[in-house]
Amino acid sequence: MTFAFAARPGFSILSRLLAAVLGGYALASAVAVLLAAVLPIPRAEAVLAGMQWSFVAHVLVAIWAFSPVALARMWGLLLSVTAVVLVAAWAFARPALGG
């Protein structure tokens, strides 16, 4: 990143912390909704399985956020994967909602 605030030492840590907490939460929520919509098991079990896998997704994002990857690449991949999972969750959950 070539921004002026990117040169500050605390920016990288703050950005990675926000990616781990907020980005991990966003991806975990999207994964939970997607799995609850697509798993071919009873609804209550699908929701439970989605929630359990969401913890795995959140932990993986938290670990990856502090890996030696460029900040721009990390945020870009995190936001794009979250967007793709959200769109897939919306597409699969829409017929189940009757609309």
C-alpha atoms as a PDB file:
ATOM      1  CA  MET A   1       0.000   0.000   0.000  1.00  0.00           C
ATOM      2  CA  THR A   2       1.334   3.414  -0.867  1.00  0.00           C
ATOM      3  CA  PHE A   3      -0.999   5.485   1.293  1.00  0.00           C
ATOM      4  CA  ALA A   4       0.500   7.952   3.751  1.00  0.00           C
ATOM      5  CA  PHE A   5      -1.180   6.311   6.746  1.00  0.00           C
ATOM      6  CA  ALA A   6       0.129   2.891   5.692  1.00  0.00           C
ATOM      7  CA  ALA A   7       3.639   4.006   6.691  1.00  0.00           C
ATOM      8  CA  ARG A   8       2.644   4.187  10.348  1.00  0.00           C
ATOM      9  CA  PRO A   9       3.649   1.086  12.308  1.00  0.00           C
ATOM     10  CA  GLY A  10       0.340   0.649  14.113  1.00  0.00           C
ATOM     11  CA  PHE A  11      -1.765   0.761  10.936  1.00  0.00           C
ATOM     12  CA  SER A  12      -0.730  -2.705   9.809  1.00  0.00           C
ATOM     13  CA  ILE A  13      -1.564  -4.277  13.161  1.00  0.00           C
ATOM     14  CA  LEU A  14      -4.880  -2.429  13.432  1.00  0.00           C
ATOM     15  CA  SER A  15      -5.834  -3.385   9.892  1.00  0.00           C
ATOM     16  CA  ARG A  16      -4.990  -7.035  10.485  1.00  0.00           C
ATOM     17  CA  LEU A  17      -6.869  -7.004  13.782  1.00  0.00           C
ATOM     18  CA  LEU A  18      -9.960  -5.569  12.091  1.00  0.00           C
ATOM     19  CA  ALA A  19      -9.657  -8.159   9.327  1.00  0.00           C
ATOM     20  CA  ALA A  20      -9.416 -10.958  11.865  1.00  0.00           C
ATOM     21  CA  VAL A  21     -12.356  -9.763  13.962  1.00  0.00           C
ATOM     22  CA  LEU A  22     -14.767  -8.054  11.572  1.00  0.00           C
ATOM     23  CA  GLY A  23     -13.793  -9.825   8.362  1.00  0.00           C
ATOM     24  CA  GLY A  24     -13.768 -13.166  10.118  1.00  0.00           C
ATOM     25  CA  TYR A  25     -17.205 -12.467  11.562  1.00  0.00           C
ATOM     26  CA  ALA A  26     -18.598 -11.464   8.168  1.00  0.00           C
ATOM     27  CA  LEU A  27     -17.229 -14.559   6.441  1.00  0.00           C
ATOM     28  CA  ALA A  28     -18.324 -16.833   9.288  1.00  0.00           C
ATOM     29  CA  SER A  29     -21.864 -15.454   9.120  1.00  0.00           C
ATOM     30  CA  ALA A  30     -21.978 -15.926   5.369  1.00  0.00           C
ATOM     31  CA  VAL A  31     -20.699 -19.496   5.670  1.00  0.00           C
ATOM     32  CA  ALA A  32     -23.314 -20.283   8.315  1.00  0.00           C
ATOM     33  CA  VAL A  33     -26.142 -18.980   6.141  1.00  0.00           C
ATOM     34  CA  LEU A  34     -24.850 -20.756   3.037  1.00  0.00           C
ATOM     35  CA  LEU A  35     -24.463 -24.112   4.738  1.00  0.00           C
ATOM     36  CA  ALA A  36     -27.850 -23.826   6.425  1.00  0.00           C
ATOM     37  CA  ALA A  37     -29.376 -23.282   2.988  1.00  0.00           C
ATOM     38  CA  VAL A  38     -27.561 -25.957   0.982  1.00  0.00           C
ATOM     39  CA  LEU A  39     -27.074 -28.934   3.286  1.00  0.00           C
ATOM     40  CA  PRO A  40     -29.510 -31.743   2.442  1.00  0.00           C
ATOM     41  CA  ILE A  41     -30.354 -32.575   6.048  1.00  0.00           C
ATOM     42  CA  PRO A  42     -33.203 -31.440   8.318  1.00  0.00           C
ATOM     43  CA  ARG A  43     -33.314 -27.669   8.812  1.00  0.00           C
ATOM     44  CA  ALA A  44     -32.278 -27.651  12.495  1.00  0.00           C
ATOM     45  CA  GLU A  45     -29.290 -29.884  11.826  1.00  0.00           C
ATOM     46  CA  ALA A  46     -28.273 -27.801   8.795  1.00  0.00           C
ATOM     47  CA  VAL A  47     -28.322 -24.626  10.883  1.00  0.00           C
ATOM     48  CA  LEU A  48     -26.279 -26.293  13.620  1.00  0.00           C
ATOM     49  CA  ALA A  49     -23.740 -27.616  11.118  1.00  0.00           C
ATOM     50  CA  GLY A  50     -23.502 -24.190   9.497  1.00  0.00           C
ATOM     51  CA  MET A  51     -22.835 -22.569  12.851  1.00  0.00           C
ATOM     52  CA  GLN A  52     -20.169 -25.121  13.725  1.00  0.00           C
ATOM     53  CA  TRP A  53     -18.371 -24.628  10.406  1.00  0.00           C
ATOM     54  CA  SER A  54     -18.593 -20.873  10.843  1.00  0.00           C
ATOM     55  CA  PHE A  55     -16.280 -21.146  13.856  1.00  0.00           C
ATOM     56  CA  VAL A  56     -13.748 -22.927  11.659  1.00  0.00           C
ATOM     57  CA  ALA A  57     -14.015 -20.189   9.019  1.00  0.00           C
ATOM     58  CA  HIS A  58     -13.531 -17.455  11.630  1.00  0.00           C
ATOM     59  CA  VAL A  59     -10.437 -19.125  13.084  1.00  0.00           C
ATOM     60  CA  LEU A  60      -8.928 -19.623   9.625  1.00  0.00           C
ATOM     61  CA  VAL A  61      -9.476 -15.959   8.759  1.00  0.00           C
ATOM     62  CA  ALA A  62      -7.930 -14.877  12.067  1.00  0.00           C
ATOM     63  CA  ILE A  63      -4.848 -17.011  11.429  1.00  0.00           C
ATOM     64  CA  TRP A  64      -4.595 -15.841   7.830  1.00  0.00           C
ATOM     65  CA  ALA A  65      -5.001 -12.170   8.761  1.00  0.00           C
ATOM     66  CA  PHE A  66      -1.723 -12.263  10.675  1.00  0.00           C
ATOM     67  CA  SER A  67       0.207 -14.197   8.048  1.00  0.00           C
ATOM     68  CA  PRO A  68       2.897 -12.356   6.068  1.00  0.00           C
ATOM     69  CA  VAL A  69       0.595 -11.376   3.203  1.00  0.00           C
ATOM     70  CA  ALA A  70       0.302  -7.854   1.821  1.00  0.00           C
ATOM     71  CA  LEU A  71      -2.545  -5.887   3.395  1.00  0.00           C
ATOM     72  CA  ALA A  72      -4.170  -5.019   0.078  1.00  0.00           C
ATOM     73  CA  ARG A  73      -4.129  -8.649  -1.053  1.00  0.00           C
ATOM     74  CA  MET A  74      -5.481  -9.848   2.286  1.00  0.00           C
ATOM     75  CA  TRP A  75      -8.371  -7.359   2.333  1.00  0.00           C
ATOM     76  CA  GLY A  76      -9.128  -7.908  -1.346  1.00  0.00           C
ATOM     77  CA  LEU A  77      -9.315 -11.669  -1.000  1.00  0.00           C
ATOM     78  CA  LEU A  78     -11.260 -11.485   2.247  1.00  0.00           C
ATOM     79  CA  LEU A  79     -13.872  -9.107   0.864  1.00  0.00           C
ATOM     80  CA  SER A  80     -14.203 -10.930  -2.449  1.00  0.00           C
ATOM     81  CA  VAL A  81     -14.581 -14.369  -0.853  1.00  0.00           C
ATOM     82  CA  THR A  82     -17.135 -12.988   1.597  1.00  0.00           C
ATOM     83  CA  ALA A  83     -19.071 -11.377  -1.256  1.00  0.00           C
ATOM     84  CA  VAL A  84     -19.087 -14.595  -3.290  1.00  0.00           C
ATOM     85  CA  VAL A  85     -20.279 -16.642  -0.316  1.00  0.00           C
ATOM     86  CA  LEU A  86     -22.987 -14.057   0.458  1.00  0.00           C
ATOM     87  CA  VAL A  87     -24.247 -14.082  -3.122  1.00  0.00           C
ATOM     88  CA  ALA A  88     -24.292 -17.884  -3.142  1.00  0.00           C
ATOM     89  CA  ALA A  89     -26.113 -17.922   0.212  1.00  0.00           C
ATOM     90  CA  TRP A  90     -28.673 -15.432  -1.096  1.00  0.00           C
ATOM     91  CA  ALA A  91     -29.172 -17.460  -4.283  1.00  0.00           C
ATOM     92  CA  PHE A  92     -29.676 -20.753  -2.434  1.00  0.00           C
ATOM     93  CA  ALA A  93     -31.714 -19.351   0.454  1.00  0.00           C
ATOM     94  CA  ARG A  94     -34.117 -17.425  -1.792  1.00  0.00           C
ATOM     95  CA  PRO A  95     -36.077 -20.484  -3.078  1.00  0.00           C
ATOM     96  CA  ALA A  96     -36.314 -21.844   0.470  1.00  0.00           C
ATOM     97  CA  LEU A  97     -37.969 -18.617   1.585  1.00  0.00           C
ATOM     98  CA  GLY A  98     -40.581 -18.874  -1.140  1.00  0.00           C
ATOM     99  CA  GLY A  99     -39.542 -15.813  -3.099  1.00  0.00           C
END
